[in-house]
Amino acid sequence: MNHPSVIRPADYAAYTPGKMGKSTLFQSPRLLVGLNAFEPGQSHALHAHVGQDKAYLVAEGTGVFLLDGRELPMTAGDLLIAPEGVPHGVRNPGPGRLLVIAVLAPGHGKG
């Protein structure tokens, strides 16, 4: 992808039948911007990052944020911040697709 440019995240979504799809929109040592694409029933298991803060922004659909033992409903336009070390994840109970923008800083490591 050529930056800087205006993009429509949904054009880069990678929905897969077996597990959550991931796409990278931008990555540098300072920032990683990715997409998590969920079919109904898919999830991103509870996990935490060492040395990275993460923000999830719901681009399309509805689902559930998993945050440090809580389940929080999410819908397009909602934002969740998961500071370093805080367990977090996402679940799409359905019936539709869910597309989430994931922003990590700094940009090293896995999204």
PDB file of N, CA and C in Angstrom:
ATOM      1  N   MET A   1       0.844  -1.171   0.000  1.00  0.00           N
ATOM      2  CA  MET A   1       0.000   0.000   0.000  1.00  0.00           C
ATOM      3  C   MET A   1       0.891   1.236   0.000  1.00  0.00           C
ATOM      4  N   ASN A   2       0.509   2.208  -0.774  1.00  0.00           N
ATOM      5  CA  ASN A   2       1.286   3.429  -0.915  1.00  0.00           C
ATOM      6  C   ASN A   2       0.758   4.497   0.041  1.00  0.00           C
ATOM      7  N   HIS A   3       1.610   5.008   0.910  1.00  0.00           N
ATOM      8  CA  HIS A   3       1.200   6.032   1.884  1.00  0.00           C
ATOM      9  C   HIS A   3       2.020   7.287   1.658  1.00  0.00           C
ATOM     10  N   PRO A   4       1.548   8.479   1.945  1.00  0.00           N
ATOM     11  CA  PRO A   4       0.203   8.712   2.485  1.00  0.00           C
ATOM     12  C   PRO A   4      -0.854   8.654   1.394  1.00  0.00           C
ATOM     13  N   SER A   5      -1.996   8.135   1.786  1.00  0.00           N
ATOM     14  CA  SER A   5      -3.129   8.046   0.880  1.00  0.00           C
ATOM     15  C   SER A   5      -4.395   7.865   1.701  1.00  0.00           C
ATOM     16  N   VAL A   6      -5.520   8.161   1.104  1.00  0.00           N
ATOM     17  CA  VAL A   6      -6.803   7.910   1.745  1.00  0.00           C
ATOM     18  C   VAL A   6      -7.229   6.503   1.356  1.00  0.00           C
ATOM     19  N   ILE A   7      -7.628   5.725   2.341  1.00  0.00           N
ATOM     20  CA  ILE A   7      -8.037   4.351   2.059  1.00  0.00           C
ATOM     21  C   ILE A   7      -9.407   4.085   2.674  1.00  0.00           C
ATOM     22  N   ARG A   8     -10.050   3.072   2.170  1.00  0.00           N
ATOM     23  CA  ARG A   8     -11.296   2.568   2.737  1.00  0.00           C
ATOM     24  C   ARG A   8     -10.943   1.207   3.325  1.00  0.00           C
ATOM     25  N   PRO A   9     -10.893   1.103   4.678  1.00  0.00           N
ATOM     26  CA  PRO A   9     -10.426  -0.144   5.291  1.00  0.00           C
ATOM     27  C   PRO A   9     -11.129  -1.395   4.775  1.00  0.00           C
ATOM     28  N   ALA A  10     -12.420  -1.344   4.539  1.00  0.00           N
ATOM     29  CA  ALA A  10     -13.146  -2.533   4.098  1.00  0.00           C
ATOM     30  C   ALA A  10     -12.588  -3.103   2.794  1.00  0.00           C
ATOM     31  N   ASP A  11     -11.966  -2.262   1.968  1.00  0.00           N
ATOM     32  CA  ASP A  11     -11.377  -2.744   0.715  1.00  0.00           C
ATOM     33  C   ASP A  11     -10.193  -3.676   0.959  1.00  0.00           C
ATOM     34  N   TYR A  12      -9.639  -3.670   2.170  1.00  0.00           N
ATOM     35  CA  TYR A  12      -8.468  -4.479   2.497  1.00  0.00           C
ATOM     36  C   TYR A  12      -8.773  -5.594   3.490  1.00  0.00           C
ATOM     37  N   ALA A  13     -10.036  -5.785   3.808  1.00  0.00           N
ATOM     38  CA  ALA A  13     -10.429  -6.829   4.754  1.00  0.00           C
ATOM     39  C   ALA A  13     -10.182  -8.204   4.152  1.00  0.00           C
ATOM     40  N   ALA A  14      -9.654  -9.106   4.967  1.00  0.00           N
ATOM     41  CA  ALA A  14      -9.372 -10.483   4.539  1.00  0.00           C
ATOM     42  C   ALA A  14     -10.213 -11.431   5.382  1.00  0.00           C
ATOM     43  N   TYR A  15     -11.462 -11.624   4.987  1.00  0.00           N
ATOM     44  CA  TYR A  15     -12.332 -12.569   5.684  1.00  0.00           C
ATOM     45  C   TYR A  15     -11.942 -13.982   5.272  1.00  0.00           C
ATOM     46  N   THR A  16     -11.775 -14.857   6.259  1.00  0.00           N
ATOM     47  CA  THR A  16     -11.415 -16.246   5.986  1.00  0.00           C
ATOM     48  C   THR A  16     -12.370 -17.161   6.755  1.00  0.00           C
ATOM     49  N   PRO A  17     -12.686 -18.325   6.198  1.00  0.00           N
ATOM     50  CA  PRO A  17     -13.669 -19.184   6.854  1.00  0.00           C
ATOM     51  C   PRO A  17     -13.170 -19.837   8.143  1.00  0.00           C
ATOM     52  N   GLY A  18     -11.880 -20.120   8.255  1.00  0.00           N
ATOM     53  CA  GLY A  18     -11.364 -20.879   9.389  1.00  0.00           C
ATOM     54  C   GLY A  18     -11.070 -20.081  10.640  1.00  0.00           C
ATOM     55  N   LYS A  19     -10.583 -18.868  10.472  1.00  0.00           N
ATOM     56  CA  LYS A  19     -10.212 -18.056  11.630  1.00  0.00           C
ATOM     57  C   LYS A  19     -10.220 -16.582  11.234  1.00  0.00           C
ATOM     58  N   MET A  20     -10.127 -15.724  12.234  1.00  0.00           N
ATOM     59  CA  MET A  20     -10.101 -14.281  11.999  1.00  0.00           C
ATOM     60  C   MET A  20      -9.046 -13.938  10.939  1.00  0.00           C
ATOM     61  N   GLY A  21      -9.418 -13.079   9.994  1.00  0.00           N
ATOM     62  CA  GLY A  21      -8.471 -12.637   8.979  1.00  0.00           C
ATOM     63  C   GLY A  21      -7.738 -11.386   9.432  1.00  0.00           C
ATOM     64  N   LYS A  22      -6.463 -11.284   9.060  1.00  0.00           N
ATOM     65  CA  LYS A  22      -5.650 -10.121   9.418  1.00  0.00           C
ATOM     66  C   LYS A  22      -5.060  -9.497   8.166  1.00  0.00           C
ATOM     67  N   SER A  23      -5.038  -8.164   8.151  1.00  0.00           N
ATOM     68  CA  SER A  23      -4.389  -7.407   7.083  1.00  0.00           C
ATOM     69  C   SER A  23      -3.623  -6.271   7.730  1.00  0.00           C
ATOM     70  N   THR A  24      -2.493  -5.899   7.153  1.00  0.00           N
ATOM     71  CA  THR A  24      -1.731  -4.759   7.644  1.00  0.00           C
ATOM     72  C   THR A  24      -1.921  -3.597   6.689  1.00  0.00           C
ATOM     73  N   LEU A  25      -2.401  -2.467   7.226  1.00  0.00           N
ATOM     74  CA  LEU A  25      -2.588  -1.259   6.427  1.00  0.00           C
ATOM     75  C   LEU A  25      -1.338  -0.392   6.424  1.00  0.00           C
ATOM     76  N   PHE A  26      -0.613  -0.409   7.554  1.00  0.00           N
ATOM     77  CA  PHE A  26       0.616   0.389   7.674  1.00  0.00           C
ATOM     78  C   PHE A  26       1.431  -0.174   8.817  1.00  0.00           C
ATOM     79  N   GLN A  27       2.756  -0.187   8.650  1.00  0.00           N
ATOM     80  CA  GLN A  27       3.638  -0.577   9.747  1.00  0.00           C
ATOM     81  C   GLN A  27       4.953   0.157   9.652  1.00  0.00           C
ATOM     82  N   SER A  28       5.387   0.683  10.793  1.00  0.00           N
ATOM     83  CA  SER A  28       6.699   1.295  10.949  1.00  0.00           C
ATOM     84  C   SER A  28       7.183   0.906  12.348  1.00  0.00           C
ATOM     85  N   PRO A  29       8.403   1.263  12.725  1.00  0.00           N
ATOM     86  CA  PRO A  29       8.840   0.970  14.088  1.00  0.00           C
ATOM     87  C   PRO A  29       7.995   1.676  15.154  1.00  0.00           C
ATOM     88  N   ARG A  30       7.279   2.717  14.764  1.00  0.00           N
ATOM     89  CA  ARG A  30       6.505   3.520  15.717  1.00  0.00           C
ATOM     90  C   ARG A  30       5.031   3.156  15.781  1.00  0.00           C
ATOM     91  N   LEU A  31       4.481   2.546  14.706  1.00  0.00           N
ATOM     92  CA  LEU A  31       3.042   2.364  14.611  1.00  0.00           C
ATOM     93  C   LEU A  31       2.697   1.179  13.718  1.00  0.00           C
ATOM     94  N   LEU A  32       1.678   0.406  14.134  1.00  0.00           N
ATOM     95  CA  LEU A  32       1.136  -0.652  13.291  1.00  0.00           C
ATOM     96  C   LEU A  32      -0.369  -0.424  13.205  1.00  0.00           C
ATOM     97  N   VAL A  33      -0.894  -0.378  11.978  1.00  0.00           N
ATOM     98  CA  VAL A  33      -2.334  -0.250  11.755  1.00  0.00           C
ATOM     99  C   VAL A  33      -2.773  -1.472  10.955  1.00  0.00           C
ATOM    100  N   GLY A  34      -3.625  -2.262  11.573  1.00  0.00           N
ATOM    101  CA  GLY A  34      -4.083  -3.484  10.928  1.00  0.00           C
ATOM    102  C   GLY A  34      -5.586  -3.607  10.958  1.00  0.00           C
ATOM    103  N   LEU A  35      -6.068  -4.620  10.271  1.00  0.00           N
ATOM    104  CA  LEU A  35      -7.495  -4.939  10.255  1.00  0.00           C
ATOM    105  C   LEU A  35      -7.684  -6.351  10.767  1.00  0.00           C
ATOM    106  N   ASN A  36      -8.697  -6.526  11.599  1.00  0.00           N
ATOM    107  CA  ASN A  36      -9.125  -7.846  12.026  1.00  0.00           C
ATOM    108  C   ASN A  36     -10.520  -8.055  11.467  1.00  0.00           C
ATOM    109  N   ALA A  37     -10.686  -9.071  10.634  1.00  0.00           N
ATOM    110  CA  ALA A  37     -11.953  -9.348   9.959  1.00  0.00           C
ATOM    111  C   ALA A  37     -12.530 -10.651  10.508  1.00  0.00           C
ATOM    112  N   PHE A  38     -13.730 -10.557  11.081  1.00  0.00           N
ATOM    113  CA  PHE A  38     -14.364 -11.685  11.753  1.00  0.00           C
ATOM    114  C   PHE A  38     -15.637 -12.106  11.033  1.00  0.00           C
ATOM    115  N   GLU A  39     -15.711 -13.364  10.669  1.00  0.00           N
ATOM    116  CA  GLU A  39     -16.962 -13.953  10.247  1.00  0.00           C
ATOM    117  C   GLU A  39     -17.762 -14.257  11.514  1.00  0.00           C
ATOM    118  N   PRO A  40     -19.068 -14.466  11.418  1.00  0.00           N
ATOM    119  CA  PRO A  40     -19.848 -14.835  12.597  1.00  0.00           C
ATOM    120  C   PRO A  40     -19.253 -16.063  13.284  1.00  0.00           C
ATOM    121  N   GLY A  41     -19.148 -15.987  14.606  1.00  0.00           N
ATOM    122  CA  GLY A  41     -18.618 -17.090  15.401  1.00  0.00           C
ATOM    123  C   GLY A  41     -17.116 -17.045  15.627  1.00  0.00           C
ATOM    124  N   GLN A  42     -16.399 -16.180  14.935  1.00  0.00           N
ATOM    125  CA  GLN A  42     -14.947 -16.112  15.096  1.00  0.00           C
ATOM    126  C   GLN A  42     -14.574 -15.164  16.242  1.00  0.00           C
ATOM    127  N   SER A  43     -13.360 -15.370  16.776  1.00  0.00           N
ATOM    128  CA  SER A  43     -12.889 -14.520  17.861  1.00  0.00           C
ATOM    129  C   SER A  43     -11.374 -14.383  17.809  1.00  0.00           C
ATOM    130  N   HIS A  44     -10.889 -13.403  18.538  1.00  0.00           N
ATOM    131  CA  HIS A  44      -9.461 -13.210  18.776  1.00  0.00           C
ATOM    132  C   HIS A  44      -9.306 -13.395  20.275  1.00  0.00           C
ATOM    133  N   ALA A  45      -8.680 -14.485  20.674  1.00  0.00           N
ATOM    134  CA  ALA A  45      -8.615 -14.888  22.075  1.00  0.00           C
ATOM    135  C   ALA A  45      -8.002 -13.798  22.955  1.00  0.00           C
ATOM    136  N   LEU A  46      -8.376 -13.831  24.211  1.00  0.00           N
ATOM    137  CA  LEU A  46      -7.839 -12.911  25.207  1.00  0.00           C
ATOM    138  C   LEU A  46      -6.315 -13.014  25.212  1.00  0.00           C
ATOM    139  N   HIS A  47      -5.644 -11.868  25.109  1.00  0.00           N
ATOM    140  CA  HIS A  47      -4.187 -11.817  25.085  1.00  0.00           C
ATOM    141  C   HIS A  47      -3.748 -10.432  25.568  1.00  0.00           C
ATOM    142  N   ALA A  48      -2.476 -10.265  25.825  1.00  0.00           N
ATOM    143  CA  ALA A  48      -1.928  -8.977  26.247  1.00  0.00           C
ATOM    144  C   ALA A  48      -0.609  -8.760  25.518  1.00  0.00           C
ATOM    145  N   HIS A  49      -0.228  -7.494  25.385  1.00  0.00           N
ATOM    146  CA  HIS A  49       1.020  -7.140  24.715  1.00  0.00           C
ATOM    147  C   HIS A  49       2.008  -6.566  25.725  1.00  0.00           C
ATOM    148  N   VAL A  50       3.264  -6.956  25.581  1.00  0.00           N
ATOM    149  CA  VAL A  50       4.337  -6.387  26.381  1.00  0.00           C
ATOM    150  C   VAL A  50       4.967  -5.273  25.567  1.00  0.00           C
ATOM    151  N   GLY A  51       5.019  -4.089  26.106  1.00  0.00           N
ATOM    152  CA  GLY A  51       5.688  -2.983  25.431  1.00  0.00           C
ATOM    153  C   GLY A  51       4.872  -2.325  24.335  1.00  0.00           C
ATOM    154  N   GLN A  52       3.580  -2.644  24.226  1.00  0.00           N
ATOM    155  CA  GLN A  52       2.712  -2.039  23.208  1.00  0.00           C
ATOM    156  C   GLN A  52       1.354  -1.699  23.803  1.00  0.00           C
ATOM    157  N   ASP A  53       0.840  -0.555  23.426  1.00  0.00           N
ATOM    158  CA  ASP A  53      -0.541  -0.195  23.697  1.00  0.00           C
ATOM    159  C   ASP A  53      -1.338  -0.495  22.433  1.00  0.00           C
ATOM    160  N   LYS A  54      -2.643  -0.799  22.610  1.00  0.00           N
ATOM    161  CA  LYS A  54      -3.464  -1.161  21.463  1.00  0.00           C
ATOM    162  C   LYS A  54      -4.794  -0.429  21.536  1.00  0.00           C
ATOM    163  N   ALA A  55      -5.259   0.012  20.374  1.00  0.00           N
ATOM    164  CA  ALA A  55      -6.591   0.608  20.252  1.00  0.00           C
ATOM    165  C   ALA A  55      -7.347  -0.170  19.193  1.00  0.00           C
ATOM    166  N   TYR A  56      -8.595  -0.518  19.512  1.00  0.00           N
ATOM    167  CA  TYR A  56      -9.498  -1.151  18.559  1.00  0.00           C
ATOM    168  C   TYR A  56     -10.571  -0.134  18.185  1.00  0.00           C
ATOM    169  N   LEU A  57     -10.813   0.035  16.897  1.00  0.00           N
ATOM    170  CA  LEU A  57     -11.906   0.869  16.414  1.00  0.00           C
ATOM    171  C   LEU A  57     -12.785   0.007  15.516  1.00  0.00           C
ATOM    172  N   VAL A  58     -14.067  -0.076  15.855  1.00  0.00           N
ATOM    173  CA  VAL A  58     -14.988  -0.889  15.069  1.00  0.00           C
ATOM    174  C   VAL A  58     -15.351  -0.132  13.800  1.00  0.00           C
ATOM    175  N   ALA A  59     -14.985  -0.701  12.646  1.00  0.00           N
ATOM    176  CA  ALA A  59     -15.278  -0.073  11.354  1.00  0.00           C
ATOM    177  C   ALA A  59     -16.656  -0.476  10.842  1.00  0.00           C
ATOM    178  N   GLU A  60     -17.010  -1.746  11.015  1.00  0.00           N
ATOM    179  CA  GLU A  60     -18.298  -2.249  10.527  1.00  0.00           C
ATOM    180  C   GLU A  60     -18.762  -3.389  11.417  1.00  0.00           C
ATOM    181  N   GLY A  61     -20.060  -3.468  11.653  1.00  0.00           N
ATOM    182  CA  GLY A  61     -20.645  -4.597  12.352  1.00  0.00           C
ATOM    183  C   GLY A  61     -20.782  -4.379  13.848  1.00  0.00           C
ATOM    184  N   THR A  62     -21.129  -5.478  14.523  1.00  0.00           N
ATOM    185  CA  THR A  62     -21.266  -5.484  15.983  1.00  0.00           C
ATOM    186  C   THR A  62     -20.597  -6.729  16.529  1.00  0.00           C
ATOM    187  N   GLY A  63     -20.195  -6.671  17.791  1.00  0.00           N
ATOM    188  CA  GLY A  63     -19.549  -7.803  18.432  1.00  0.00           C
ATOM    189  C   GLY A  63     -19.368  -7.531  19.898  1.00  0.00           C
ATOM    190  N   VAL A  64     -18.331  -8.160  20.476  1.00  0.00           N
ATOM    191  CA  VAL A  64     -18.051  -8.048  21.900  1.00  0.00           C
ATOM    192  C   VAL A  64     -16.560  -7.825  22.093  1.00  0.00           C
ATOM    193  N   PHE A  65     -16.196  -6.783  22.872  1.00  0.00           N
ATOM    194  CA  PHE A  65     -14.824  -6.593  23.318  1.00  0.00           C
ATOM    195  C   PHE A  65     -14.626  -7.461  24.553  1.00  0.00           C
ATOM    196  N   LEU A  66     -13.534  -8.176  24.614  1.00  0.00           N
ATOM    197  CA  LEU A  66     -13.135  -8.908  25.809  1.00  0.00           C
ATOM    198  C   LEU A  66     -12.046  -8.061  26.464  1.00  0.00           C
ATOM    199  N   LEU A  67     -12.256  -7.646  27.693  1.00  0.00           N
ATOM    200  CA  LEU A  67     -11.308  -6.748  28.344  1.00  0.00           C
ATOM    201  C   LEU A  67     -11.149  -7.118  29.800  1.00  0.00           C
ATOM    202  N   ASP A  68     -10.025  -7.744  30.129  1.00  0.00           N
ATOM    203  CA  ASP A  68      -9.642  -7.990  31.508  1.00  0.00           C
ATOM    204  C   ASP A  68     -10.790  -8.590  32.325  1.00  0.00           C
ATOM    205  N   GLY A  69     -11.398  -9.669  31.804  1.00  0.00           N
ATOM    206  CA  GLY A  69     -12.456 -10.353  32.519  1.00  0.00           C
ATOM    207  C   GLY A  69     -13.862  -9.823  32.266  1.00  0.00           C
ATOM    208  N   ARG A  70     -13.999  -8.794  31.451  1.00  0.00           N
ATOM    209  CA  ARG A  70     -15.321  -8.243  31.136  1.00  0.00           C
ATOM    210  C   ARG A  70     -15.633  -8.476  29.670  1.00  0.00           C
ATOM    211  N   GLU A  71     -16.934  -8.470  29.351  1.00  0.00           N
ATOM    212  CA  GLU A  71     -17.400  -8.534  27.971  1.00  0.00           C
ATOM    213  C   GLU A  71     -18.218  -7.280  27.721  1.00  0.00           C
ATOM    214  N   LEU A  72     -17.782  -6.464  26.756  1.00  0.00           N
ATOM    215  CA  LEU A  72     -18.408  -5.177  26.481  1.00  0.00           C
ATOM    216  C   LEU A  72     -18.961  -5.169  25.066  1.00  0.00           C
ATOM    217  N   PRO A  73     -20.258  -4.849  24.877  1.00  0.00           N
ATOM    218  CA  PRO A  73     -20.803  -4.797  23.524  1.00  0.00           C
ATOM    219  C   PRO A  73     -20.103  -3.728  22.697  1.00  0.00           C
ATOM    220  N   MET A  74     -19.965  -3.995  21.399  1.00  0.00           N
ATOM    221  CA  MET A  74     -19.290  -3.057  20.502  1.00  0.00           C
ATOM    222  C   MET A  74     -20.082  -2.925  19.214  1.00  0.00           C
ATOM    223  N   THR A  75     -20.047  -1.738  18.637  1.00  0.00           N
ATOM    224  CA  THR A  75     -20.723  -1.492  17.370  1.00  0.00           C
ATOM    225  C   THR A  75     -19.907  -0.478  16.575  1.00  0.00           C
ATOM    226  N   ALA A  76     -20.201  -0.340  15.307  1.00  0.00           N
ATOM    227  CA  ALA A  76     -19.443   0.564  14.436  1.00  0.00           C
ATOM    228  C   ALA A  76     -19.306   1.932  15.077  1.00  0.00           C
ATOM    229  N   GLY A  77     -18.076   2.442  15.117  1.00  0.00           N
ATOM    230  CA  GLY A  77     -17.770   3.736  15.713  1.00  0.00           C
ATOM    231  C   GLY A  77     -17.218   3.639  17.120  1.00  0.00           C
ATOM    232  N   ASP A  78     -17.350   2.479  17.782  1.00  0.00           N
ATOM    233  CA  ASP A  78     -16.848   2.318  19.147  1.00  0.00           C
ATOM    234  C   ASP A  78     -15.334   2.128  19.147  1.00  0.00           C
ATOM    235  N   LEU A  79     -14.706   2.632  20.208  1.00  0.00           N
ATOM    236  CA  LEU A  79     -13.251   2.569  20.379  1.00  0.00           C
ATOM    237  C   LEU A  79     -12.941   1.949  21.730  1.00  0.00           C
ATOM    238  N   LEU A  80     -11.970   1.060  21.764  1.00  0.00           N
ATOM    239  CA  LEU A  80     -11.494   0.466  23.002  1.00  0.00           C
ATOM    240  C   LEU A  80      -9.984   0.618  23.060  1.00  0.00           C
ATOM    241  N   ILE A  81      -9.469   1.067  24.197  1.00  0.00           N
ATOM    242  CA  ILE A  81      -8.031   1.176  24.413  1.00  0.00           C
ATOM    243  C   ILE A  81      -7.616   0.064  25.363  1.00  0.00           C
ATOM    244  N   ALA A  82      -6.601  -0.695  24.988  1.00  0.00           N
ATOM    245  CA  ALA A  82      -6.029  -1.734  25.843  1.00  0.00           C
ATOM    246  C   ALA A  82      -4.565  -1.368  26.087  1.00  0.00           C
ATOM    247  N   PRO A  83      -4.269  -0.726  27.224  1.00  0.00           N
ATOM    248  CA  PRO A  83      -2.882  -0.378  27.525  1.00  0.00           C
ATOM    249  C   PRO A  83      -2.012  -1.629  27.656  1.00  0.00           C
ATOM    250  N   GLU A  84      -0.728  -1.438  27.580  1.00  0.00           N
ATOM    251  CA  GLU A  84       0.234  -2.536  27.721  1.00  0.00           C
ATOM    252  C   GLU A  84      -0.122  -3.417  28.919  1.00  0.00           C
ATOM    253  N   GLY A  85      -0.112  -4.719  28.689  1.00  0.00           N
ATOM    254  CA  GLY A  85      -0.318  -5.673  29.764  1.00  0.00           C
ATOM    255  C   GLY A  85      -1.764  -5.966  30.121  1.00  0.00           C
ATOM    256  N   VAL A  86      -2.740  -5.236  29.580  1.00  0.00           N
ATOM    257  CA  VAL A  86      -4.148  -5.469  29.892  1.00  0.00           C
ATOM    258  C   VAL A  86      -4.710  -6.516  28.930  1.00  0.00           C
ATOM    259  N   PRO A  87      -5.210  -7.644  29.451  1.00  0.00           N
ATOM    260  CA  PRO A  87      -5.766  -8.680  28.574  1.00  0.00           C
ATOM    261  C   PRO A  87      -6.974  -8.161  27.792  1.00  0.00           C
ATOM    262  N   HIS A  88      -6.996  -8.480  26.486  1.00  0.00           N
ATOM    263  CA  HIS A  88      -8.052  -7.995  25.606  1.00  0.00           C
ATOM    264  C   HIS A  88      -8.255  -8.977  24.451  1.00  0.00           C
ATOM    265  N   GLY A  89      -9.398  -8.881  23.816  1.00  0.00           N
ATOM    266  CA  GLY A  89      -9.721  -9.713  22.664  1.00  0.00           C
ATOM    267  C   GLY A  89     -11.037  -9.247  22.066  1.00  0.00           C
ATOM    268  N   VAL A  90     -11.503  -9.962  21.051  1.00  0.00           N
ATOM    269  CA  VAL A  90     -12.727  -9.600  20.335  1.00  0.00           C
ATOM    270  C   VAL A  90     -13.466 -10.885  19.989  1.00  0.00           C
ATOM    271  N   ARG A  91     -14.804 -10.817  20.042  1.00  0.00           N
ATOM    272  CA  ARG A  91     -15.627 -11.960  19.636  1.00  0.00           C
ATOM    273  C   ARG A  91     -16.775 -11.449  18.778  1.00  0.00           C
ATOM    274  N   ASN A  92     -17.055 -12.184  17.706  1.00  0.00           N
ATOM    275  CA  ASN A  92     -18.193 -11.868  16.850  1.00  0.00           C
ATOM    276  C   ASN A  92     -19.239 -12.974  16.994  1.00  0.00           C
ATOM    277  N   PRO A  93     -20.268 -12.738  17.823  1.00  0.00           N
ATOM    278  CA  PRO A  93     -21.301 -13.759  17.971  1.00  0.00           C
ATOM    279  C   PRO A  93     -22.253 -13.840  16.777  1.00  0.00           C
ATOM    280  N   GLY A  94     -22.150 -12.879  15.837  1.00  0.00           N
ATOM    281  CA  GLY A  94     -22.987 -12.900  14.642  1.00  0.00           C
ATOM    282  C   GLY A  94     -24.246 -12.067  14.833  1.00  0.00           C
ATOM    283  N   PRO A  95     -25.103 -12.008  13.884  1.00  0.00           N
ATOM    284  CA  PRO A  95     -25.131 -12.851  12.688  1.00  0.00           C
ATOM    285  C   PRO A  95     -24.297 -12.310  11.527  1.00  0.00           C
ATOM    286  N   GLY A  96     -23.869 -11.050  11.559  1.00  0.00           N
ATOM    287  CA  GLY A  96     -23.134 -10.463  10.435  1.00  0.00           C
ATOM    288  C   GLY A  96     -21.641 -10.457  10.655  1.00  0.00           C
ATOM    289  N   ARG A  97     -20.930  -9.946   9.665  1.00  0.00           N
ATOM    290  CA  ARG A  97     -19.475  -9.789   9.744  1.00  0.00           C
ATOM    291  C   ARG A  97     -19.115  -8.633  10.673  1.00  0.00           C
ATOM    292  N   LEU A  98     -17.861  -8.672  11.164  1.00  0.00           N
ATOM    293  CA  LEU A  98     -17.318  -7.637  12.034  1.00  0.00           C
ATOM    294  C   LEU A  98     -15.946  -7.254  11.512  1.00  0.00           C
ATOM    295  N   LEU A  99     -15.704  -5.946  11.345  1.00  0.00           N
ATOM    296  CA  LEU A  99     -14.407  -5.447  10.890  1.00  0.00           C
ATOM    297  C   LEU A  99     -13.889  -4.447  11.909  1.00  0.00           C
ATOM    298  N   VAL A 100     -12.686  -4.714  12.427  1.00  0.00           N
ATOM    299  CA  VAL A 100     -12.101  -3.906  13.488  1.00  0.00           C
ATOM    300  C   VAL A 100     -10.729  -3.425  13.047  1.00  0.00           C
ATOM    301  N   ILE A 101     -10.490  -2.125  13.204  1.00  0.00           N
ATOM    302  CA  ILE A 101      -9.165  -1.544  12.968  1.00  0.00           C
ATOM    303  C   ILE A 101      -8.382  -1.676  14.265  1.00  0.00           C
ATOM    304  N   ALA A 102      -7.198  -2.232  14.180  1.00  0.00           N
ATOM    305  CA  ALA A 102      -6.325  -2.416  15.346  1.00  0.00           C
ATOM    306  C   ALA A 102      -5.085  -1.546  15.165  1.00  0.00           C
ATOM    307  N   VAL A 103      -4.831  -0.680  16.138  1.00  0.00           N
ATOM    308  CA  VAL A 103      -3.681   0.231  16.083  1.00  0.00           C
ATOM    309  C   VAL A 103      -2.792  -0.076  17.277  1.00  0.00           C
ATOM    310  N   LEU A 104      -1.516  -0.397  17.006  1.00  0.00           N
ATOM    311  CA  LEU A 104      -0.569  -0.707  18.064  1.00  0.00           C
ATOM    312  C   LEU A 104       0.606   0.260  18.008  1.00  0.00           C
ATOM    313  N   ALA A 105       1.052   0.681  19.191  1.00  0.00           N
ATOM    314  CA  ALA A 105       2.217   1.548  19.271  1.00  0.00           C
ATOM    315  C   ALA A 105       3.070   1.116  20.466  1.00  0.00           C
ATOM    316  N   PRO A 106       4.380   1.009  20.275  1.00  0.00           N
ATOM    317  CA  PRO A 106       5.071   1.110  18.994  1.00  0.00           C
ATOM    318  C   PRO A 106       4.713  -0.041  18.065  1.00  0.00           C
ATOM    319  N   GLY A 107       5.171   0.037  16.822  1.00  0.00           N
ATOM    320  CA  GLY A 107       4.736  -0.867  15.779  1.00  0.00           C
ATOM    321  C   GLY A 107       5.486  -2.178  15.642  1.00  0.00           C
ATOM    322  N   HIS A 108       6.369  -2.503  16.572  1.00  0.00           N
ATOM    323  CA  HIS A 108       7.119  -3.756  16.478  1.00  0.00           C
ATOM    324  C   HIS A 108       6.257  -4.934  16.905  1.00  0.00           C
ATOM    325  N   GLY A 109       6.669  -6.125  16.575  1.00  0.00           N
ATOM    326  CA  GLY A 109       5.988  -7.325  17.029  1.00  0.00           C
ATOM    327  C   GLY A 109       4.762  -7.658  16.213  1.00  0.00           C
ATOM    328  N   LYS A 110       3.965  -8.555  16.769  1.00  0.00           N
ATOM    329  CA  LYS A 110       2.757  -9.043  16.080  1.00  0.00           C
ATOM    330  C   LYS A 110       1.560  -8.192  16.499  1.00  0.00           C
ATOM    331  N   GLY A 111       0.587  -8.040  15.567  1.00  0.00           N
ATOM    332  CA  GLY A 111      -0.663  -7.339  15.826  1.00  0.00           C
ATOM    333  C   GLY A 111      -1.681  -8.274  16.330  1.00  0.00           C
TER     334      GLY A 111
END
